[in-house]
């Protein structure tokens, strides 16, 4: 028996808990004879312009095999199922809205922490105006900003202030550090697909942007520059990170 909304359908079952191959592994300090490392390098195409395409939707990559793990894990756990599911019907599952909203609130905190982590950890931070438009998949007219460069995630931005001089946009790649890459992969592989399903299932704000932009939540939808300034100040204050401002 499955649960579905729109074109999304997930079968009941248990999740695959062995996800170690999903995350790129980075070398530890070892002697030359000990430097044996298995690195997963996802398939990537800079020429794929299909709508909502990305490395996380590429069938050749392992990520697509884990996008249902969160919900399958709930359905396979008796206690969690009792918390999240109201009843199971022939045409699908009726979810407990309050429980799902509580889970989405926790996912929002996770996304806020990822946002601040990116801003403070990758050297010269991207401007808020760039981050507000950060696409994780291709749009109908604009290409995505996030790609894999080997085992690293690369955010590729266009800088258009020099267009009048050079006659073209300047492309600026930004590489988050391994700690941020790891969290992004966990979030986009395991968490984001479930968020997308529930936002569409309950007709929440951001349901039309959740599959295209990175910074979208169920309360305000796609983040604006003002939202990002507020989130940055709230998170840094809460965690005692003072004397830092978001890049404009």
C-alpha atoms as a PDB file:
ATOM      1  CA  UNK A   1       0.000   0.000   0.000  1.00  0.00           C
ATOM      2  CA  UNK A   2       1.394   3.391  -0.921  1.00  0.00           C
ATOM      3  CA  UNK A   3       0.959   6.996   0.062  1.00  0.00           C
ATOM      4  CA  UNK A   4       0.893   9.592  -2.639  1.00  0.00           C
ATOM      5  CA  UNK A   5       0.231  13.160  -3.643  1.00  0.00           C
ATOM      6  CA  UNK A   6       0.431  14.443  -7.185  1.00  0.00           C
ATOM      7  CA  UNK A   7       3.110  12.406  -8.939  1.00  0.00           C
ATOM      8  CA  UNK A   8       4.710  11.282  -5.688  1.00  0.00           C
ATOM      9  CA  UNK A   9       4.162   7.749  -4.433  1.00  0.00           C
ATOM     10  CA  UNK A  10       6.010   5.893  -1.713  1.00  0.00           C
ATOM     11  CA  UNK A  11       5.560   2.284  -0.717  1.00  0.00           C
ATOM     12  CA  UNK A  12       5.517   1.169   2.856  1.00  0.00           C
ATOM     13  CA  UNK A  13       8.580  -0.624   4.101  1.00  0.00           C
ATOM     14  CA  UNK A  14      11.735  -0.158   6.088  1.00  0.00           C
ATOM     15  CA  UNK A  15      14.501   2.239   5.168  1.00  0.00           C
ATOM     16  CA  UNK A  16      18.041   1.289   4.258  1.00  0.00           C
ATOM     17  CA  UNK A  17      20.071   2.478   7.210  1.00  0.00           C
ATOM     18  CA  UNK A  18      23.468   1.950   5.596  1.00  0.00           C
ATOM     19  CA  UNK A  19      23.991   5.388   4.100  1.00  0.00           C
ATOM     20  CA  UNK A  20      27.747   5.639   4.486  1.00  0.00           C
ATOM     21  CA  UNK A  21      28.231   5.635   0.721  1.00  0.00           C
ATOM     22  CA  UNK A  22      26.033   8.691   0.286  1.00  0.00           C
ATOM     23  CA  UNK A  23      28.549  11.092   1.822  1.00  0.00           C
ATOM     24  CA  UNK A  24      31.938  11.808   0.189  1.00  0.00           C
ATOM     25  CA  UNK A  25      34.789  10.738   2.452  1.00  0.00           C
ATOM     26  CA  UNK A  26      37.677  13.122   2.968  1.00  0.00           C
ATOM     27  CA  UNK A  27      41.211  11.970   3.816  1.00  0.00           C
ATOM     28  CA  UNK A  28      42.360  11.880   7.423  1.00  0.00           C
ATOM     29  CA  UNK A  29      45.985  12.498   8.422  1.00  0.00           C
ATOM     30  CA  UNK A  30      47.670   9.125   7.828  1.00  0.00           C
ATOM     31  CA  UNK A  31      51.000   7.716   6.767  1.00  0.00           C
ATOM     32  CA  UNK A  32      51.560   7.051   3.077  1.00  0.00           C
ATOM     33  CA  UNK A  33      50.950   3.317   3.472  1.00  0.00           C
ATOM     34  CA  UNK A  34      47.626   3.993   5.215  1.00  0.00           C
ATOM     35  CA  UNK A  35      46.185   6.381   2.661  1.00  0.00           C
ATOM     36  CA  UNK A  36      43.492   4.091   1.333  1.00  0.00           C
ATOM     37  CA  UNK A  37      40.271   5.921   0.797  1.00  0.00           C
ATOM     38  CA  UNK A  38      37.041   5.002  -0.963  1.00  0.00           C
ATOM     39  CA  UNK A  39      35.546   8.146  -2.469  1.00  0.00           C
ATOM     40  CA  UNK A  40      32.101   8.294  -4.043  1.00  0.00           C
ATOM     41  CA  UNK A  41      32.094  10.700  -6.955  1.00  0.00           C
ATOM     42  CA  UNK A  42      28.546  11.368  -8.195  1.00  0.00           C
ATOM     43  CA  UNK A  43      27.696  11.660 -11.863  1.00  0.00           C
ATOM     44  CA  UNK A  44      27.287  15.281 -12.910  1.00  0.00           C
ATOM     45  CA  UNK A  45      26.434  17.039 -16.140  1.00  0.00           C
ATOM     46  CA  UNK A  46      26.903  20.745 -16.681  1.00  0.00           C
ATOM     47  CA  UNK A  47      24.966  20.427 -19.939  1.00  0.00           C
ATOM     48  CA  UNK A  48      21.783  18.927 -18.476  1.00  0.00           C
ATOM     49  CA  UNK A  49      19.205  21.696 -18.674  1.00  0.00           C
ATOM     50  CA  UNK A  50      16.128  19.597 -17.957  1.00  0.00           C
ATOM     51  CA  UNK A  51      13.606  21.217 -15.645  1.00  0.00           C
ATOM     52  CA  UNK A  52      14.280  20.401 -11.948  1.00  0.00           C
ATOM     53  CA  UNK A  53      17.326  18.304 -12.865  1.00  0.00           C
ATOM     54  CA  UNK A  54      20.337  18.030 -10.543  1.00  0.00           C
ATOM     55  CA  UNK A  55      22.846  15.472  -9.319  1.00  0.00           C
ATOM     56  CA  UNK A  56      20.314  14.563  -6.626  1.00  0.00           C
ATOM     57  CA  UNK A  57      17.728  13.594  -9.250  1.00  0.00           C
ATOM     58  CA  UNK A  58      20.212  11.787 -11.517  1.00  0.00           C
ATOM     59  CA  UNK A  59      19.271   8.096 -11.642  1.00  0.00           C
ATOM     60  CA  UNK A  60      22.936   7.089 -11.909  1.00  0.00           C
ATOM     61  CA  UNK A  61      23.617   8.493  -8.425  1.00  0.00           C
ATOM     62  CA  UNK A  62      22.884   6.771  -5.118  1.00  0.00           C
ATOM     63  CA  UNK A  63      21.015   9.779  -3.732  1.00  0.00           C
ATOM     64  CA  UNK A  64      17.758   8.962  -5.513  1.00  0.00           C
ATOM     65  CA  UNK A  65      17.593   5.586  -3.760  1.00  0.00           C
ATOM     66  CA  UNK A  66      17.346   7.254  -0.338  1.00  0.00           C
ATOM     67  CA  UNK A  67      14.769   9.993  -0.919  1.00  0.00           C
ATOM     68  CA  UNK A  68      12.011   7.902   0.687  1.00  0.00           C
ATOM     69  CA  UNK A  69      14.043   6.756   3.694  1.00  0.00           C
ATOM     70  CA  UNK A  70      12.559   9.191   6.215  1.00  0.00           C
ATOM     71  CA  UNK A  71       8.931   8.264   5.617  1.00  0.00           C
ATOM     72  CA  UNK A  72       9.680   4.575   5.208  1.00  0.00           C
ATOM     73  CA  UNK A  73      11.521   4.715   8.508  1.00  0.00           C
ATOM     74  CA  UNK A  74       8.439   6.205  10.184  1.00  0.00           C
ATOM     75  CA  UNK A  75       6.146   3.573   8.723  1.00  0.00           C
ATOM     76  CA  UNK A  76       8.491   0.784   9.738  1.00  0.00           C
ATOM     77  CA  UNK A  77       8.757   1.963  13.358  1.00  0.00           C
ATOM     78  CA  UNK A  78       5.669   1.223  15.459  1.00  0.00           C
ATOM     79  CA  UNK A  79       6.175   4.098  17.905  1.00  0.00           C
ATOM     80  CA  UNK A  80       6.990   6.682  15.241  1.00  0.00           C
ATOM     81  CA  UNK A  81       4.108   5.498  13.088  1.00  0.00           C
ATOM     82  CA  UNK A  82       1.691   5.986  15.978  1.00  0.00           C
ATOM     83  CA  UNK A  83       3.031   9.516  16.410  1.00  0.00           C
ATOM     84  CA  UNK A  84       2.860  10.582  12.743  1.00  0.00           C
ATOM     85  CA  UNK A  85       0.012   8.545  11.210  1.00  0.00           C
ATOM     86  CA  UNK A  86      -3.677   8.995  12.003  1.00  0.00           C
ATOM     87  CA  UNK A  87      -4.887   6.037   9.978  1.00  0.00           C
ATOM     88  CA  UNK A  88      -4.136   4.023   6.853  1.00  0.00           C
ATOM     89  CA  UNK A  89      -6.795   3.887   4.157  1.00  0.00           C
ATOM     90  CA  UNK A  90      -7.083   2.117   0.837  1.00  0.00           C
ATOM     91  CA  UNK A  91      -6.204   5.298  -1.053  1.00  0.00           C
ATOM     92  CA  UNK A  92      -3.252   6.245   1.112  1.00  0.00           C
ATOM     93  CA  UNK A  93      -2.224   7.463   4.558  1.00  0.00           C
ATOM     94  CA  UNK A  94      -3.849  10.184   6.628  1.00  0.00           C
ATOM     95  CA  UNK A  95      -1.099  12.009   8.483  1.00  0.00           C
ATOM     96  CA  UNK A  96      -1.392  13.806  11.809  1.00  0.00           C
ATOM     97  CA  UNK A  97      -1.026  17.422  10.765  1.00  0.00           C
ATOM     98  CA  UNK A  98       0.233  18.700  14.130  1.00  0.00           C
ATOM     99  CA  UNK A  99       2.963  16.030  14.256  1.00  0.00           C
ATOM    100  CA  UNK A 100       4.046  16.777  10.696  1.00  0.00           C
ATOM    101  CA  UNK A 101       4.114  20.529  11.383  1.00  0.00           C
ATOM    102  CA  UNK A 102       6.297  19.897  14.439  1.00  0.00           C
ATOM    103  CA  UNK A 103       8.705  17.873  12.300  1.00  0.00           C
ATOM    104  CA  UNK A 104       8.771  20.594   9.641  1.00  0.00           C
ATOM    105  CA  UNK A 105       9.624  23.129  12.351  1.00  0.00           C
ATOM    106  CA  UNK A 106      12.677  21.024  13.264  1.00  0.00           C
ATOM    107  CA  UNK A 107      13.630  20.847   9.590  1.00  0.00           C
ATOM    108  CA  UNK A 108      13.433  24.640   9.435  1.00  0.00           C
ATOM    109  CA  UNK A 109      15.920  24.910  12.310  1.00  0.00           C
ATOM    110  CA  UNK A 110      18.206  22.528  10.412  1.00  0.00           C
ATOM    111  CA  UNK A 111      17.990  24.681   7.275  1.00  0.00           C
ATOM    112  CA  UNK A 112      18.695  27.844   9.265  1.00  0.00           C
ATOM    113  CA  UNK A 113      21.829  26.268  10.722  1.00  0.00           C
ATOM    114  CA  UNK A 114      22.979  25.204   7.244  1.00  0.00           C
ATOM    115  CA  UNK A 115      22.477  28.774   6.023  1.00  0.00           C
ATOM    116  CA  UNK A 116      24.624  30.243   8.797  1.00  0.00           C
ATOM    117  CA  UNK A 117      27.201  27.456   8.427  1.00  0.00           C
ATOM    118  CA  UNK A 118      27.630  28.360   4.760  1.00  0.00           C
ATOM    119  CA  UNK A 119      27.929  32.048   5.506  1.00  0.00           C
ATOM    120  CA  UNK A 120      30.629  31.686   8.166  1.00  0.00           C
ATOM    121  CA  UNK A 121      32.659  28.761   6.821  1.00  0.00           C
ATOM    122  CA  UNK A 122      33.492  29.269   3.149  1.00  0.00           C
ATOM    123  CA  UNK A 123      35.903  32.182   3.271  1.00  0.00           C
ATOM    124  CA  UNK A 124      34.498  35.151   1.399  1.00  0.00           C
ATOM    125  CA  UNK A 125      30.758  34.590   1.884  1.00  0.00           C
ATOM    126  CA  UNK A 126      28.357  34.979  -0.980  1.00  0.00           C
ATOM    127  CA  UNK A 127      26.227  38.100  -0.953  1.00  0.00           C
ATOM    128  CA  UNK A 128      22.734  37.696   0.505  1.00  0.00           C
ATOM    129  CA  UNK A 129      21.305  38.663  -2.882  1.00  0.00           C
ATOM    130  CA  UNK A 130      23.078  35.657  -4.423  1.00  0.00           C
ATOM    131  CA  UNK A 131      22.006  33.224  -1.710  1.00  0.00           C
ATOM    132  CA  UNK A 132      18.368  34.299  -1.979  1.00  0.00           C
ATOM    133  CA  UNK A 133      18.359  33.120  -5.609  1.00  0.00           C
ATOM    134  CA  UNK A 134      20.353  29.927  -5.044  1.00  0.00           C
ATOM    135  CA  UNK A 135      18.834  27.145  -7.162  1.00  0.00           C
ATOM    136  CA  UNK A 136      19.490  23.491  -6.347  1.00  0.00           C
ATOM    137  CA  UNK A 137      17.765  22.320  -9.542  1.00  0.00           C
ATOM    138  CA  UNK A 138      17.253  23.830 -12.976  1.00  0.00           C
ATOM    139  CA  UNK A 139      14.458  26.339 -13.335  1.00  0.00           C
ATOM    140  CA  UNK A 140      12.346  26.773 -16.428  1.00  0.00           C
ATOM    141  CA  UNK A 141      14.536  29.641 -17.656  1.00  0.00           C
ATOM    142  CA  UNK A 142      17.522  29.750 -15.295  1.00  0.00           C
ATOM    143  CA  UNK A 143      20.070  27.025 -14.671  1.00  0.00           C
ATOM    144  CA  UNK A 144      20.871  25.790 -11.191  1.00  0.00           C
ATOM    145  CA  UNK A 145      23.716  27.127  -9.063  1.00  0.00           C
ATOM    146  CA  UNK A 146      24.712  23.899  -7.309  1.00  0.00           C
ATOM    147  CA  UNK A 147      26.933  21.276  -8.948  1.00  0.00           C
ATOM    148  CA  UNK A 148      29.340  18.548  -7.952  1.00  0.00           C
ATOM    149  CA  UNK A 149      32.961  19.132  -8.892  1.00  0.00           C
ATOM    150  CA  UNK A 150      34.362  15.693  -8.230  1.00  0.00           C
ATOM    151  CA  UNK A 151      33.398  14.978  -4.624  1.00  0.00           C
ATOM    152  CA  UNK A 152      33.019  18.645  -3.746  1.00  0.00           C
ATOM    153  CA  UNK A 153      29.847  20.706  -3.962  1.00  0.00           C
ATOM    154  CA  UNK A 154      30.309  23.886  -5.969  1.00  0.00           C
ATOM    155  CA  UNK A 155      27.965  26.858  -5.994  1.00  0.00           C
ATOM    156  CA  UNK A 156      28.333  28.724  -9.271  1.00  0.00           C
ATOM    157  CA  UNK A 157      27.146  32.339  -9.267  1.00  0.00           C
ATOM    158  CA  UNK A 158      27.064  34.923 -12.030  1.00  0.00           C
ATOM    159  CA  UNK A 159      28.477  38.370 -11.313  1.00  0.00           C
ATOM    160  CA  UNK A 160      26.973  40.860 -13.753  1.00  0.00           C
ATOM    161  CA  UNK A 161      28.442  44.184 -12.596  1.00  0.00           C
ATOM    162  CA  UNK A 162      31.276  43.820 -15.113  1.00  0.00           C
ATOM    163  CA  UNK A 163      28.937  42.989 -18.005  1.00  0.00           C
ATOM    164  CA  UNK A 164      29.148  46.522 -19.456  1.00  0.00           C
ATOM    165  CA  UNK A 165      32.957  46.291 -19.571  1.00  0.00           C
ATOM    166  CA  UNK A 166      33.537  42.659 -20.518  1.00  0.00           C
ATOM    167  CA  UNK A 167      30.359  42.089 -22.520  1.00  0.00           C
ATOM    168  CA  UNK A 168      29.539  38.978 -20.475  1.00  0.00           C
ATOM    169  CA  UNK A 169      28.807  37.849 -16.949  1.00  0.00           C
ATOM    170  CA  UNK A 170      31.636  36.718 -14.735  1.00  0.00           C
ATOM    171  CA  UNK A 171      31.152  33.305 -13.130  1.00  0.00           C
ATOM    172  CA  UNK A 172      32.241  32.892  -9.521  1.00  0.00           C
ATOM    173  CA  UNK A 173      32.534  29.374  -8.039  1.00  0.00           C
ATOM    174  CA  UNK A 174      32.271  28.951  -4.282  1.00  0.00           C
ATOM    175  CA  UNK A 175      33.258  25.745  -2.476  1.00  0.00           C
ATOM    176  CA  UNK A 176      31.834  25.023   0.984  1.00  0.00           C
ATOM    177  CA  UNK A 177      34.148  23.083   3.337  1.00  0.00           C
ATOM    178  CA  UNK A 178      33.656  19.325   3.964  1.00  0.00           C
ATOM    179  CA  UNK A 179      31.587  19.873   7.112  1.00  0.00           C
ATOM    180  CA  UNK A 180      29.070  21.957   5.144  1.00  0.00           C
ATOM    181  CA  UNK A 181      29.104  19.556   2.170  1.00  0.00           C
ATOM    182  CA  UNK A 182      28.263  16.657   4.466  1.00  0.00           C
ATOM    183  CA  UNK A 183      25.260  18.450   5.952  1.00  0.00           C
ATOM    184  CA  UNK A 184      24.037  19.592   2.532  1.00  0.00           C
ATOM    185  CA  UNK A 185      24.134  16.038   1.191  1.00  0.00           C
ATOM    186  CA  UNK A 186      22.316  14.628   4.214  1.00  0.00           C
ATOM    187  CA  UNK A 187      19.709  17.379   4.002  1.00  0.00           C
ATOM    188  CA  UNK A 188      19.091  17.196   0.236  1.00  0.00           C
ATOM    189  CA  UNK A 189      19.181  13.385   0.100  1.00  0.00           C
ATOM    190  CA  UNK A 190      17.129  12.419   3.150  1.00  0.00           C
ATOM    191  CA  UNK A 191      15.268  15.424   4.542  1.00  0.00           C
ATOM    192  CA  UNK A 192      14.330  17.639   1.606  1.00  0.00           C
ATOM    193  CA  UNK A 193      12.300  14.998  -0.315  1.00  0.00           C
ATOM    194  CA  UNK A 194      10.054  14.430   2.722  1.00  0.00           C
ATOM    195  CA  UNK A 195       9.690  18.182   3.263  1.00  0.00           C
ATOM    196  CA  UNK A 196       8.666  18.575  -0.371  1.00  0.00           C
ATOM    197  CA  UNK A 197       6.046  15.833  -0.076  1.00  0.00           C
ATOM    198  CA  UNK A 198       4.427  17.233   3.069  1.00  0.00           C
ATOM    199  CA  UNK A 199       4.449  20.844   1.855  1.00  0.00           C
ATOM    200  CA  UNK A 200       2.513  19.760  -1.227  1.00  0.00           C
ATOM    201  CA  UNK A 201       0.326  17.325   0.714  1.00  0.00           C
ATOM    202  CA  UNK A 202      -0.807  20.036   3.166  1.00  0.00           C
ATOM    203  CA  UNK A 203      -0.748  22.859   0.594  1.00  0.00           C
ATOM    204  CA  UNK A 204       1.781  24.931   2.521  1.00  0.00           C
ATOM    205  CA  UNK A 205       3.699  28.092   1.655  1.00  0.00           C
ATOM    206  CA  UNK A 206       6.664  27.406  -0.599  1.00  0.00           C
ATOM    207  CA  UNK A 207       5.225  24.262  -2.174  1.00  0.00           C
ATOM    208  CA  UNK A 208       5.929  25.637  -5.659  1.00  0.00           C
ATOM    209  CA  UNK A 209       9.541  26.632  -4.862  1.00  0.00           C
ATOM    210  CA  UNK A 210      10.667  23.776  -2.625  1.00  0.00           C
ATOM    211  CA  UNK A 211      12.041  21.642  -5.473  1.00  0.00           C
ATOM    212  CA  UNK A 212      14.007  24.473  -7.095  1.00  0.00           C
ATOM    213  CA  UNK A 213      15.460  26.784  -4.444  1.00  0.00           C
ATOM    214  CA  UNK A 214      17.585  25.828  -1.447  1.00  0.00           C
ATOM    215  CA  UNK A 215      16.201  28.296   1.067  1.00  0.00           C
ATOM    216  CA  UNK A 216      12.467  27.652   1.268  1.00  0.00           C
ATOM    217  CA  UNK A 217      10.361  26.747   4.292  1.00  0.00           C
ATOM    218  CA  UNK A 218       6.767  25.852   5.140  1.00  0.00           C
ATOM    219  CA  UNK A 219       6.033  29.111   6.962  1.00  0.00           C
ATOM    220  CA  UNK A 220       7.179  31.923   4.669  1.00  0.00           C
ATOM    221  CA  UNK A 221       7.947  30.064   1.439  1.00  0.00           C
ATOM    222  CA  UNK A 222      11.037  31.168  -0.428  1.00  0.00           C
ATOM    223  CA  UNK A 223      13.352  33.278   1.703  1.00  0.00           C
ATOM    224  CA  UNK A 224      13.830  36.941   0.852  1.00  0.00           C
ATOM    225  CA  UNK A 225      16.937  38.971   1.651  1.00  0.00           C
ATOM    226  CA  UNK A 226      15.144  40.373   4.703  1.00  0.00           C
ATOM    227  CA  UNK A 227      14.344  36.842   5.886  1.00  0.00           C
ATOM    228  CA  UNK A 228      17.994  35.877   5.584  1.00  0.00           C
ATOM    229  CA  UNK A 229      19.217  38.858   7.597  1.00  0.00           C
ATOM    230  CA  UNK A 230      16.695  38.014  10.315  1.00  0.00           C
ATOM    231  CA  UNK A 231      17.645  34.314  10.355  1.00  0.00           C
ATOM    232  CA  UNK A 232      21.352  35.094  10.461  1.00  0.00           C
ATOM    233  CA  UNK A 233      20.966  37.479  13.387  1.00  0.00           C
ATOM    234  CA  UNK A 234      18.679  35.116  15.307  1.00  0.00           C
ATOM    235  CA  UNK A 235      20.895  32.053  14.903  1.00  0.00           C
ATOM    236  CA  UNK A 236      24.192  33.805  15.649  1.00  0.00           C
ATOM    237  CA  UNK A 237      22.694  35.498  18.712  1.00  0.00           C
ATOM    238  CA  UNK A 238      21.172  32.257  19.984  1.00  0.00           C
ATOM    239  CA  UNK A 239      24.484  30.425  19.723  1.00  0.00           C
ATOM    240  CA  UNK A 240      26.616  33.262  21.080  1.00  0.00           C
ATOM    241  CA  UNK A 241      28.338  34.105  17.812  1.00  0.00           C
ATOM    242  CA  UNK A 242      28.805  37.856  18.069  1.00  0.00           C
ATOM    243  CA  UNK A 243      30.398  40.566  15.957  1.00  0.00           C
ATOM    244  CA  UNK A 244      29.395  38.904  12.662  1.00  0.00           C
ATOM    245  CA  UNK A 245      27.228  40.381   9.950  1.00  0.00           C
ATOM    246  CA  UNK A 246      25.812  38.781   6.823  1.00  0.00           C
ATOM    247  CA  UNK A 247      27.474  39.851   3.585  1.00  0.00           C
ATOM    248  CA  UNK A 248      25.368  42.210   1.509  1.00  0.00           C
END
